[in-house]
Amino acid sequence: MEFRDHPFPNYPKSLKFTDAGFELLQLDTHIAGISISVFNGQVQARDVPELGDLAYDLDRLDGLLESVTVENDEDATTVTEFRSYGHLLLRLIRELQKLASA
């Protein structure tokens, strides 16, 4: 499955996921912008200094989501969807890091 075929997770109903959802959306748009710029040849991956910071932010967000107290099936679904999407973003960052080091 290609990254672009994976939809962004649904907006959670529980307020405890608001910050995580917002952060995931910010990371998604930032990484998408970088990826498109690299793909279109507008910038070289090695010229994107924040790749390491983005990977760190995704790892940190994953840790926060892993520590959330799941109270019901909806919470569990939200955590699973958010973490899964974050893992896809991290894979994309890792690919960009490989390009940067090539």
PDB file of N, CA and C in Angstrom:
ATOM      1  N   MET A   1       0.848  -1.182   0.000  1.00  0.00           N
ATOM      2  CA  MET A   1       0.000   0.000   0.000  1.00  0.00           C
ATOM      3  C   MET A   1       0.890   1.241   0.000  1.00  0.00           C
ATOM      4  N   GLU A   2       0.578   2.184  -0.845  1.00  0.00           N
ATOM      5  CA  GLU A   2       1.315   3.428  -0.884  1.00  0.00           C
ATOM      6  C   GLU A   2       0.800   4.361   0.198  1.00  0.00           C
ATOM      7  N   PHE A   3       1.679   5.249   0.639  1.00  0.00           N
ATOM      8  CA  PHE A   3       1.308   6.173   1.702  1.00  0.00           C
ATOM      9  C   PHE A   3       0.063   6.970   1.347  1.00  0.00           C
ATOM     10  N   ARG A   4       0.009   7.458   0.132  1.00  0.00           N
ATOM     11  CA  ARG A   4      -1.114   8.320  -0.254  1.00  0.00           C
ATOM     12  C   ARG A   4      -2.446   7.579  -0.266  1.00  0.00           C
ATOM     13  N   ASP A   5      -2.405   6.250  -0.253  1.00  0.00           N
ATOM     14  CA  ASP A   5      -3.624   5.456  -0.218  1.00  0.00           C
ATOM     15  C   ASP A   5      -4.159   5.266   1.196  1.00  0.00           C
ATOM     16  N   HIS A   6      -3.406   5.705   2.172  1.00  0.00           N
ATOM     17  CA  HIS A   6      -3.807   5.537   3.574  1.00  0.00           C
ATOM     18  C   HIS A   6      -4.458   6.840   4.050  1.00  0.00           C
ATOM     19  N   PRO A   7      -5.746   6.823   4.360  1.00  0.00           N
ATOM     20  CA  PRO A   7      -6.419   8.067   4.758  1.00  0.00           C
ATOM     21  C   PRO A   7      -5.983   8.554   6.142  1.00  0.00           C
ATOM     22  N   PHE A   8      -6.068   9.855   6.327  1.00  0.00           N
ATOM     23  CA  PHE A   8      -5.800  10.417   7.648  1.00  0.00           C
ATOM     24  C   PHE A   8      -6.883   9.898   8.594  1.00  0.00           C
ATOM     25  N   PRO A   9      -6.511   9.596   9.835  1.00  0.00           N
ATOM     26  CA  PRO A   9      -7.499   9.050  10.789  1.00  0.00           C
ATOM     27  C   PRO A   9      -8.691   9.976  11.000  1.00  0.00           C
ATOM     28  N   ASN A  10      -9.817   9.370  11.322  1.00  0.00           N
ATOM     29  CA  ASN A  10     -11.015  10.145  11.635  1.00  0.00           C
ATOM     30  C   ASN A  10     -10.782  11.009  12.858  1.00  0.00           C
ATOM     31  N   TYR A  11     -11.487  12.124  12.916  1.00  0.00           N
ATOM     32  CA  TYR A  11     -11.385  13.006  14.078  1.00  0.00           C
ATOM     33  C   TYR A  11     -11.990  12.302  15.282  1.00  0.00           C
ATOM     34  N   PRO A  12     -11.245  12.240  16.383  1.00  0.00           N
ATOM     35  CA  PRO A  12     -11.752  11.518  17.558  1.00  0.00           C
ATOM     36  C   PRO A  12     -12.854  12.296  18.269  1.00  0.00           C
ATOM     37  N   LYS A  13     -13.771  11.578  18.865  1.00  0.00           N
ATOM     38  CA  LYS A  13     -14.837  12.213  19.633  1.00  0.00           C
ATOM     39  C   LYS A  13     -14.358  12.583  21.029  1.00  0.00           C
ATOM     40  N   SER A  14     -13.424  11.832  21.556  1.00  0.00           N
ATOM     41  CA  SER A  14     -12.923  12.075  22.899  1.00  0.00           C
ATOM     42  C   SER A  14     -11.952  13.258  22.897  1.00  0.00           C
ATOM     43  N   LEU A  15     -12.163  14.193  23.793  1.00  0.00           N
ATOM     44  CA  LEU A  15     -11.316  15.386  23.873  1.00  0.00           C
ATOM     45  C   LEU A  15      -9.878  15.070  24.272  1.00  0.00           C
ATOM     46  N   LYS A  16      -9.654  13.912  24.895  1.00  0.00           N
ATOM     47  CA  LYS A  16      -8.290  13.596  25.322  1.00  0.00           C
ATOM     48  C   LYS A  16      -7.353  13.368  24.143  1.00  0.00           C
ATOM     49  N   PHE A  17      -7.919  13.220  22.935  1.00  0.00           N
ATOM     50  CA  PHE A  17      -7.101  13.010  21.748  1.00  0.00           C
ATOM     51  C   PHE A  17      -6.951  14.273  20.895  1.00  0.00           C
ATOM     52  N   THR A  18      -7.530  15.371  21.329  1.00  0.00           N
ATOM     53  CA  THR A  18      -7.507  16.598  20.537  1.00  0.00           C
ATOM     54  C   THR A  18      -6.083  17.057  20.257  1.00  0.00           C
ATOM     55  N   ASP A  19      -5.257  17.144  21.285  1.00  0.00           N
ATOM     56  CA  ASP A  19      -3.876  17.606  21.094  1.00  0.00           C
ATOM     57  C   ASP A  19      -3.081  16.653  20.202  1.00  0.00           C
ATOM     58  N   ALA A  20      -3.246  15.354  20.424  1.00  0.00           N
ATOM     59  CA  ALA A  20      -2.525  14.372  19.613  1.00  0.00           C
ATOM     60  C   ALA A  20      -2.980  14.443  18.156  1.00  0.00           C
ATOM     61  N   GLY A  21      -4.267  14.602  17.936  1.00  0.00           N
ATOM     62  CA  GLY A  21      -4.788  14.706  16.583  1.00  0.00           C
ATOM     63  C   GLY A  21      -4.276  15.949  15.875  1.00  0.00           C
ATOM     64  N   PHE A  22      -4.229  17.050  16.603  1.00  0.00           N
ATOM     65  CA  PHE A  22      -3.715  18.291  16.033  1.00  0.00           C
ATOM     66  C   PHE A  22      -2.233  18.160  15.703  1.00  0.00           C
ATOM     67  N   GLU A  23      -1.475  17.571  16.609  1.00  0.00           N
ATOM     68  CA  GLU A  23      -0.039  17.395  16.371  1.00  0.00           C
ATOM     69  C   GLU A  23       0.209  16.461  15.191  1.00  0.00           C
ATOM     70  N   LEU A  24      -0.557  15.387  15.108  1.00  0.00           N
ATOM     71  CA  LEU A  24      -0.413  14.459  13.986  1.00  0.00           C
ATOM     72  C   LEU A  24      -0.720  15.173  12.667  1.00  0.00           C
ATOM     73  N   LEU A  25      -1.745  16.007  12.662  1.00  0.00           N
ATOM     74  CA  LEU A  25      -2.097  16.760  11.455  1.00  0.00           C
ATOM     75  C   LEU A  25      -0.987  17.733  11.067  1.00  0.00           C
ATOM     76  N   GLN A  26      -0.415  18.413  12.043  1.00  0.00           N
ATOM     77  CA  GLN A  26       0.699  19.325  11.753  1.00  0.00           C
ATOM     78  C   GLN A  26       1.893  18.575  11.170  1.00  0.00           C
ATOM     79  N   LEU A  27       2.229  17.452  11.764  1.00  0.00           N
ATOM     80  CA  LEU A  27       3.347  16.661  11.264  1.00  0.00           C
ATOM     81  C   LEU A  27       3.050  16.141   9.857  1.00  0.00           C
ATOM     82  N   ASP A  28       1.832  15.707   9.641  1.00  0.00           N
ATOM     83  CA  ASP A  28       1.425  15.193   8.337  1.00  0.00           C
ATOM     84  C   ASP A  28       1.602  16.258   7.254  1.00  0.00           C
ATOM     85  N   THR A  29       1.108  17.457   7.498  1.00  0.00           N
ATOM     86  CA  THR A  29       1.195  18.502   6.478  1.00  0.00           C
ATOM     87  C   THR A  29       2.640  18.928   6.245  1.00  0.00           C
ATOM     88  N   HIS A  30       3.424  18.998   7.296  1.00  0.00           N
ATOM     89  CA  HIS A  30       4.837  19.371   7.155  1.00  0.00           C
ATOM     90  C   HIS A  30       5.592  18.319   6.338  1.00  0.00           C
ATOM     91  N   ILE A  31       5.400  17.070   6.687  1.00  0.00           N
ATOM     92  CA  ILE A  31       6.090  15.974   5.995  1.00  0.00           C
ATOM     93  C   ILE A  31       5.603  15.863   4.549  1.00  0.00           C
ATOM     94  N   ALA A  32       4.313  16.076   4.336  1.00  0.00           N
ATOM     95  CA  ALA A  32       3.782  16.034   2.963  1.00  0.00           C
ATOM     96  C   ALA A  32       4.419  17.132   2.113  1.00  0.00           C
ATOM     97  N   GLY A  33       4.544  18.321   2.672  1.00  0.00           N
ATOM     98  CA  GLY A  33       5.165  19.424   1.934  1.00  0.00           C
ATOM     99  C   GLY A  33       6.604  19.125   1.565  1.00  0.00           C
ATOM    100  N   ILE A  34       7.352  18.589   2.516  1.00  0.00           N
ATOM    101  CA  ILE A  34       8.745  18.233   2.256  1.00  0.00           C
ATOM    102  C   ILE A  34       8.824  17.141   1.189  1.00  0.00           C
ATOM    103  N   SER A  35       7.994  16.122   1.343  1.00  0.00           N
ATOM    104  CA  SER A  35       8.014  14.989   0.412  1.00  0.00           C
ATOM    105  C   SER A  35       7.693  15.430  -1.014  1.00  0.00           C
ATOM    106  N   ILE A  36       6.698  16.258  -1.155  1.00  0.00           N
ATOM    107  CA  ILE A  36       6.325  16.742  -2.484  1.00  0.00           C
ATOM    108  C   ILE A  36       7.457  17.563  -3.083  1.00  0.00           C
ATOM    109  N   SER A  37       8.085  18.404  -2.278  1.00  0.00           N
ATOM    110  CA  SER A  37       9.197  19.219  -2.761  1.00  0.00           C
ATOM    111  C   SER A  37      10.372  18.365  -3.211  1.00  0.00           C
ATOM    112  N   VAL A  38      10.669  17.318  -2.452  1.00  0.00           N
ATOM    113  CA  VAL A  38      11.757  16.407  -2.826  1.00  0.00           C
ATOM    114  C   VAL A  38      11.372  15.630  -4.084  1.00  0.00           C
ATOM    115  N   PHE A  39      10.162  15.109  -4.125  1.00  0.00           N
ATOM    116  CA  PHE A  39       9.705  14.322  -5.271  1.00  0.00           C
ATOM    117  C   PHE A  39       9.728  15.151  -6.560  1.00  0.00           C
ATOM    118  N   ASN A  40       9.317  16.410  -6.459  1.00  0.00           N
ATOM    119  CA  ASN A  40       9.276  17.284  -7.630  1.00  0.00           C
ATOM    120  C   ASN A  40      10.638  17.866  -7.989  1.00  0.00           C
ATOM    121  N   GLY A  41      11.649  17.573  -7.181  1.00  0.00           N
ATOM    122  CA  GLY A  41      12.991  18.065  -7.460  1.00  0.00           C
ATOM    123  C   GLY A  41      13.219  19.513  -7.075  1.00  0.00           C
ATOM    124  N   GLN A  42      12.307  20.097  -6.307  1.00  0.00           N
ATOM    125  CA  GLN A  42      12.447  21.480  -5.877  1.00  0.00           C
ATOM    126  C   GLN A  42      13.506  21.634  -4.790  1.00  0.00           C
ATOM    127  N   VAL A  43      13.752  20.547  -4.066  1.00  0.00           N
ATOM    128  CA  VAL A  43      14.746  20.545  -2.995  1.00  0.00           C
ATOM    129  C   VAL A  43      15.334  19.137  -2.911  1.00  0.00           C
ATOM    130  N   GLN A  44      16.574  19.053  -2.518  1.00  0.00           N
ATOM    131  CA  GLN A  44      17.225  17.762  -2.288  1.00  0.00           C
ATOM    132  C   GLN A  44      16.958  17.343  -0.846  1.00  0.00           C
ATOM    133  N   ALA A  45      16.784  16.054  -0.631  1.00  0.00           N
ATOM    134  CA  ALA A  45      16.514  15.556   0.720  1.00  0.00           C
ATOM    135  C   ALA A  45      17.630  15.958   1.686  1.00  0.00           C
ATOM    136  N   ARG A  46      18.865  15.987   1.207  1.00  0.00           N
ATOM    137  CA  ARG A  46      19.992  16.354   2.082  1.00  0.00           C
ATOM    138  C   ARG A  46      19.928  17.811   2.530  1.00  0.00           C
ATOM    139  N   ASP A  47      19.109  18.623   1.860  1.00  0.00           N
ATOM    140  CA  ASP A  47      18.967  20.039   2.201  1.00  0.00           C
ATOM    141  C   ASP A  47      17.810  20.304   3.159  1.00  0.00           C
ATOM    142  N   VAL A  48      17.222  19.242   3.680  1.00  0.00           N
ATOM    143  CA  VAL A  48      16.107  19.372   4.625  1.00  0.00           C
ATOM    144  C   VAL A  48      16.644  19.042   6.014  1.00  0.00           C
ATOM    145  N   PRO A  49      17.010  20.071   6.785  1.00  0.00           N
ATOM    146  CA  PRO A  49      17.679  19.820   8.066  1.00  0.00           C
ATOM    147  C   PRO A  49      16.785  19.239   9.159  1.00  0.00           C
ATOM    148  N   GLU A  50      15.477  19.384   9.045  1.00  0.00           N
ATOM    149  CA  GLU A  50      14.605  18.988  10.147  1.00  0.00           C
ATOM    150  C   GLU A  50      14.131  17.539  10.098  1.00  0.00           C
ATOM    151  N   LEU A  51      14.683  16.717   9.224  1.00  0.00           N
ATOM    152  CA  LEU A  51      14.237  15.323   9.149  1.00  0.00           C
ATOM    153  C   LEU A  51      14.412  14.590  10.478  1.00  0.00           C
ATOM    154  N   GLY A  52      15.538  14.792  11.132  1.00  0.00           N
ATOM    155  CA  GLY A  52      15.768  14.151  12.429  1.00  0.00           C
ATOM    156  C   GLY A  52      14.789  14.629  13.482  1.00  0.00           C
ATOM    157  N   ASP A  53      14.500  15.927  13.474  1.00  0.00           N
ATOM    158  CA  ASP A  53      13.534  16.478  14.434  1.00  0.00           C
ATOM    159  C   ASP A  53      12.141  15.918  14.203  1.00  0.00           C
ATOM    160  N   LEU A  54      11.769  15.767  12.939  1.00  0.00           N
ATOM    161  CA  LEU A  54      10.452  15.212  12.632  1.00  0.00           C
ATOM    162  C   LEU A  54      10.345  13.755  13.083  1.00  0.00           C
ATOM    163  N   ALA A  55      11.402  12.990  12.881  1.00  0.00           N
ATOM    164  CA  ALA A  55      11.411  11.597  13.347  1.00  0.00           C
ATOM    165  C   ALA A  55      11.274  11.561  14.868  1.00  0.00           C
ATOM    166  N   TYR A  56      11.998  12.446  15.550  1.00  0.00           N
ATOM    167  CA  TYR A  56      11.909  12.526  17.018  1.00  0.00           C
ATOM    168  C   TYR A  56      10.476  12.865  17.445  1.00  0.00           C
ATOM    169  N   ASP A  57       9.862  13.859  16.780  1.00  0.00           N
ATOM    170  CA  ASP A  57       8.495  14.261  17.132  1.00  0.00           C
ATOM    171  C   ASP A  57       7.511  13.114  16.930  1.00  0.00           C
ATOM    172  N   LEU A  58       7.688  12.347  15.870  1.00  0.00           N
ATOM    173  CA  LEU A  58       6.807  11.199  15.632  1.00  0.00           C
ATOM    174  C   LEU A  58       7.011  10.107  16.678  1.00  0.00           C
ATOM    175  N   ASP A  59       8.257   9.857  17.045  1.00  0.00           N
ATOM    176  CA  ASP A  59       8.534   8.874  18.106  1.00  0.00           C
ATOM    177  C   ASP A  59       7.931   9.318  19.436  1.00  0.00           C
ATOM    178  N   ARG A  60       8.059  10.594  19.745  1.00  0.00           N
ATOM    179  CA  ARG A  60       7.511  11.137  20.992  1.00  0.00           C
ATOM    180  C   ARG A  60       5.991  11.023  21.004  1.00  0.00           C
ATOM    181  N   LEU A  61       5.351  11.385  19.890  1.00  0.00           N
ATOM    182  CA  LEU A  61       3.897  11.280  19.794  1.00  0.00           C
ATOM    183  C   LEU A  61       3.443   9.829  19.937  1.00  0.00           C
ATOM    184  N   ASP A  62       4.179   8.913  19.335  1.00  0.00           N
ATOM    185  CA  ASP A  62       3.854   7.496  19.456  1.00  0.00           C
ATOM    186  C   ASP A  62       3.917   7.051  20.914  1.00  0.00           C
ATOM    187  N   GLY A  63       4.932   7.499  21.621  1.00  0.00           N
ATOM    188  CA  GLY A  63       5.053   7.163  23.043  1.00  0.00           C
ATOM    189  C   GLY A  63       3.900   7.714  23.864  1.00  0.00           C
ATOM    190  N   LEU A  64       3.480   8.939  23.546  1.00  0.00           N
ATOM    191  CA  LEU A  64       2.341   9.527  24.256  1.00  0.00           C
ATOM    192  C   LEU A  64       1.064   8.740  23.986  1.00  0.00           C
ATOM    193  N   LEU A  65       0.866   8.364  22.735  1.00  0.00           N
ATOM    194  CA  LEU A  65      -0.332   7.597  22.395  1.00  0.00           C
ATOM    195  C   LEU A  65      -0.318   6.217  23.040  1.00  0.00           C
ATOM    196  N   GLU A  66       0.863   5.643  23.131  1.00  0.00           N
ATOM    197  CA  GLU A  66       0.986   4.323  23.752  1.00  0.00           C
ATOM    198  C   GLU A  66       0.627   4.371  25.236  1.00  0.00           C
ATOM    199  N   SER A  67       0.841   5.524  25.853  1.00  0.00           N
ATOM    200  CA  SER A  67       0.593   5.641  27.292  1.00  0.00           C
ATOM    201  C   SER A  67      -0.820   6.113  27.630  1.00  0.00           C
ATOM    202  N   VAL A  68      -1.646   6.396  26.632  1.00  0.00           N
ATOM    203  CA  VAL A  68      -3.013   6.851  26.876  1.00  0.00           C
ATOM    204  C   VAL A  68      -3.827   5.732  27.516  1.00  0.00           C
ATOM    205  N   THR A  69      -4.603   6.093  28.501  1.00  0.00           N
ATOM    206  CA  THR A  69      -5.498   5.127  29.125  1.00  0.00           C
ATOM    207  C   THR A  69      -6.692   4.897  28.207  1.00  0.00           C
ATOM    208  N   VAL A  70      -6.820   3.687  27.730  1.00  0.00           N
ATOM    209  CA  VAL A  70      -7.902   3.318  26.819  1.00  0.00           C
ATOM    210  C   VAL A  70      -9.089   2.889  27.667  1.00  0.00           C
ATOM    211  N   GLU A  71     -10.198   3.619  27.503  1.00  0.00           N
ATOM    212  CA  GLU A  71     -11.375   3.350  28.333  1.00  0.00           C
ATOM    213  C   GLU A  71     -12.481   2.612  27.605  1.00  0.00           C
ATOM    214  N   ASN A  72     -12.405   2.584  26.265  1.00  0.00           N
ATOM    215  CA  ASN A  72     -13.459   1.913  25.504  1.00  0.00           C
ATOM    216  C   ASN A  72     -12.936   1.567  24.105  1.00  0.00           C
ATOM    217  N   ASP A  73     -13.774   0.919  23.329  1.00  0.00           N
ATOM    218  CA  ASP A  73     -13.370   0.494  21.980  1.00  0.00           C
ATOM    219  C   ASP A  73     -13.042   1.678  21.080  1.00  0.00           C
ATOM    220  N   GLU A  74     -13.774   2.760  21.243  1.00  0.00           N
ATOM    221  CA  GLU A  74     -13.517   3.952  20.419  1.00  0.00           C
ATOM    222  C   GLU A  74     -12.129   4.523  20.709  1.00  0.00           C
ATOM    223  N   ASP A  75     -11.760   4.581  21.987  1.00  0.00           N
ATOM    224  CA  ASP A  75     -10.413   5.030  22.352  1.00  0.00           C
ATOM    225  C   ASP A  75      -9.359   4.118  21.731  1.00  0.00           C
ATOM    226  N   ALA A  76      -9.584   2.830  21.817  1.00  0.00           N
ATOM    227  CA  ALA A  76      -8.628   1.864  21.272  1.00  0.00           C
ATOM    228  C   ALA A  76      -8.470   2.046  19.767  1.00  0.00           C
ATOM    229  N   THR A  77      -9.570   2.269  19.080  1.00  0.00           N
ATOM    230  CA  THR A  77      -9.523   2.492  17.637  1.00  0.00           C
ATOM    231  C   THR A  77      -8.758   3.765  17.309  1.00  0.00           C
ATOM    232  N   THR A  78      -9.023   4.822  18.060  1.00  0.00           N
ATOM    233  CA  THR A  78      -8.331   6.095  17.827  1.00  0.00           C
ATOM    234  C   THR A  78      -6.831   5.939  18.024  1.00  0.00           C
ATOM    235  N   VAL A  79      -6.446   5.304  19.109  1.00  0.00           N
ATOM    236  CA  VAL A  79      -5.017   5.103  19.385  1.00  0.00           C
ATOM    237  C   VAL A  79      -4.383   4.280  18.263  1.00  0.00           C
ATOM    238  N   THR A  80      -5.043   3.212  17.864  1.00  0.00           N
ATOM    239  CA  THR A  80      -4.513   2.353  16.804  1.00  0.00           C
ATOM    240  C   THR A  80      -4.372   3.121  15.494  1.00  0.00           C
ATOM    241  N   GLU A  81      -5.399   3.874  15.119  1.00  0.00           N
ATOM    242  CA  GLU A  81      -5.355   4.629  13.865  1.00  0.00           C
ATOM    243  C   GLU A  81      -4.278   5.720  13.902  1.00  0.00           C
ATOM    244  N   PHE A  82      -4.205   6.449  15.000  1.00  0.00           N
ATOM    245  CA  PHE A  82      -3.208   7.521  15.118  1.00  0.00           C
ATOM    246  C   PHE A  82      -1.794   6.948  15.087  1.00  0.00           C
ATOM    247  N   ARG A  83      -1.576   5.871  15.836  1.00  0.00           N
ATOM    248  CA  ARG A  83      -0.235   5.273  15.862  1.00  0.00           C
ATOM    249  C   ARG A  83       0.136   4.700  14.502  1.00  0.00           C
ATOM    250  N   SER A  84      -0.803   4.035  13.859  1.00  0.00           N
ATOM    251  CA  SER A  84      -0.547   3.467  12.542  1.00  0.00           C
ATOM    252  C   SER A  84      -0.179   4.556  11.540  1.00  0.00           C
ATOM    253  N   TYR A  85      -0.911   5.647  11.546  1.00  0.00           N
ATOM    254  CA  TYR A  85      -0.631   6.745  10.632  1.00  0.00           C
ATOM    255  C   TYR A  85       0.720   7.379  10.960  1.00  0.00           C
ATOM    256  N   GLY A  86       1.007   7.536  12.235  1.00  0.00           N
ATOM    257  CA  GLY A  86       2.314   8.056  12.644  1.00  0.00           C
ATOM    258  C   GLY A  86       3.451   7.166  12.187  1.00  0.00           C
ATOM    259  N   HIS A  87       3.246   5.850  12.232  1.00  0.00           N
ATOM    260  CA  HIS A  87       4.265   4.901  11.767  1.00  0.00           C
ATOM    261  C   HIS A  87       4.495   5.047  10.257  1.00  0.00           C
ATOM    262  N   LEU A  88       3.412   5.298   9.513  1.00  0.00           N
ATOM    263  CA  LEU A  88       3.562   5.535   8.077  1.00  0.00           C
ATOM    264  C   LEU A  88       4.378   6.805   7.824  1.00  0.00           C
ATOM    265  N   LEU A  89       4.092   7.847   8.579  1.00  0.00           N
ATOM    266  CA  LEU A  89       4.856   9.086   8.438  1.00  0.00           C
ATOM    267  C   LEU A  89       6.325   8.859   8.780  1.00  0.00           C
ATOM    268  N   LEU A  90       6.571   8.079   9.802  1.00  0.00           N
ATOM    269  CA  LEU A  90       7.952   7.797  10.194  1.00  0.00           C
ATOM    270  C   LEU A  90       8.683   7.006   9.107  1.00  0.00           C
ATOM    271  N   ARG A  91       7.995   6.066   8.484  1.00  0.00           N
ATOM    272  CA  ARG A  91       8.606   5.331   7.366  1.00  0.00           C
ATOM    273  C   ARG A  91       8.966   6.276   6.227  1.00  0.00           C
ATOM    274  N   LEU A  92       8.102   7.236   5.966  1.00  0.00           N
ATOM    275  CA  LEU A  92       8.366   8.220   4.920  1.00  0.00           C
ATOM    276  C   LEU A  92       9.582   9.071   5.280  1.00  0.00           C
ATOM    277  N   ILE A  93       9.671   9.489   6.529  1.00  0.00           N
ATOM    278  CA  ILE A  93      10.839  10.253   6.991  1.00  0.00           C
ATOM    279  C   ILE A  93      12.105   9.416   6.851  1.00  0.00           C
ATOM    280  N   ARG A  94      12.038   8.147   7.223  1.00  0.00           N
ATOM    281  CA  ARG A  94      13.221   7.264   7.106  1.00  0.00           C
ATOM    282  C   ARG A  94      13.672   7.148   5.649  1.00  0.00           C
ATOM    283  N   GLU A  95      12.715   7.077   4.729  1.00  0.00           N
ATOM    284  CA  GLU A  95      13.059   7.028   3.306  1.00  0.00           C
ATOM    285  C   GLU A  95      13.735   8.338   2.874  1.00  0.00           C
ATOM    286  N   LEU A  96      13.226   9.450   3.347  1.00  0.00           N
ATOM    287  CA  LEU A  96      13.842  10.741   3.023  1.00  0.00           C
ATOM    288  C   LEU A  96      15.243  10.828   3.617  1.00  0.00           C
ATOM    289  N   GLN A  97      15.422  10.284   4.828  1.00  0.00           N
ATOM    290  CA  GLN A  97      16.752  10.267   5.434  1.00  0.00           C
ATOM    291  C   GLN A  97      17.729   9.413   4.618  1.00  0.00           C
ATOM    292  N   LYS A  98      17.234   8.296   4.073  1.00  0.00           N
ATOM    293  CA  LYS A  98      18.091   7.476   3.204  1.00  0.00           C
ATOM    294  C   LYS A  98      18.500   8.255   1.969  1.00  0.00           C
ATOM    295  N   LEU A  99      17.569   8.971   1.373  1.00  0.00           N
ATOM    296  CA  LEU A  99      17.893   9.795   0.217  1.00  0.00           C
ATOM    297  C   LEU A  99      18.913  10.871   0.586  1.00  0.00           C
ATOM    298  N   ALA A 100      18.740  11.452   1.756  1.00  0.00           N
ATOM    299  CA  ALA A 100      19.639  12.522   2.192  1.00  0.00           C
ATOM    300  C   ALA A 100      21.064  12.021   2.392  1.00  0.00           C
ATOM    301  N   SER A 101      21.206  10.773   2.790  1.00  0.00           N
ATOM    302  CA  SER A 101      22.534  10.253   3.051  1.00  0.00           C
ATOM    303  C   SER A 101      23.170   9.579   1.827  1.00  0.00           C
ATOM    304  N   ALA A 102      22.397   9.472   0.741  1.00  0.00           N
ATOM    305  CA  ALA A 102      22.919   8.828  -0.482  1.00  0.00           C
ATOM    306  C   ALA A 102      23.844   9.753  -1.258  1.00  0.00           C
TER     307      ALA A 102
END
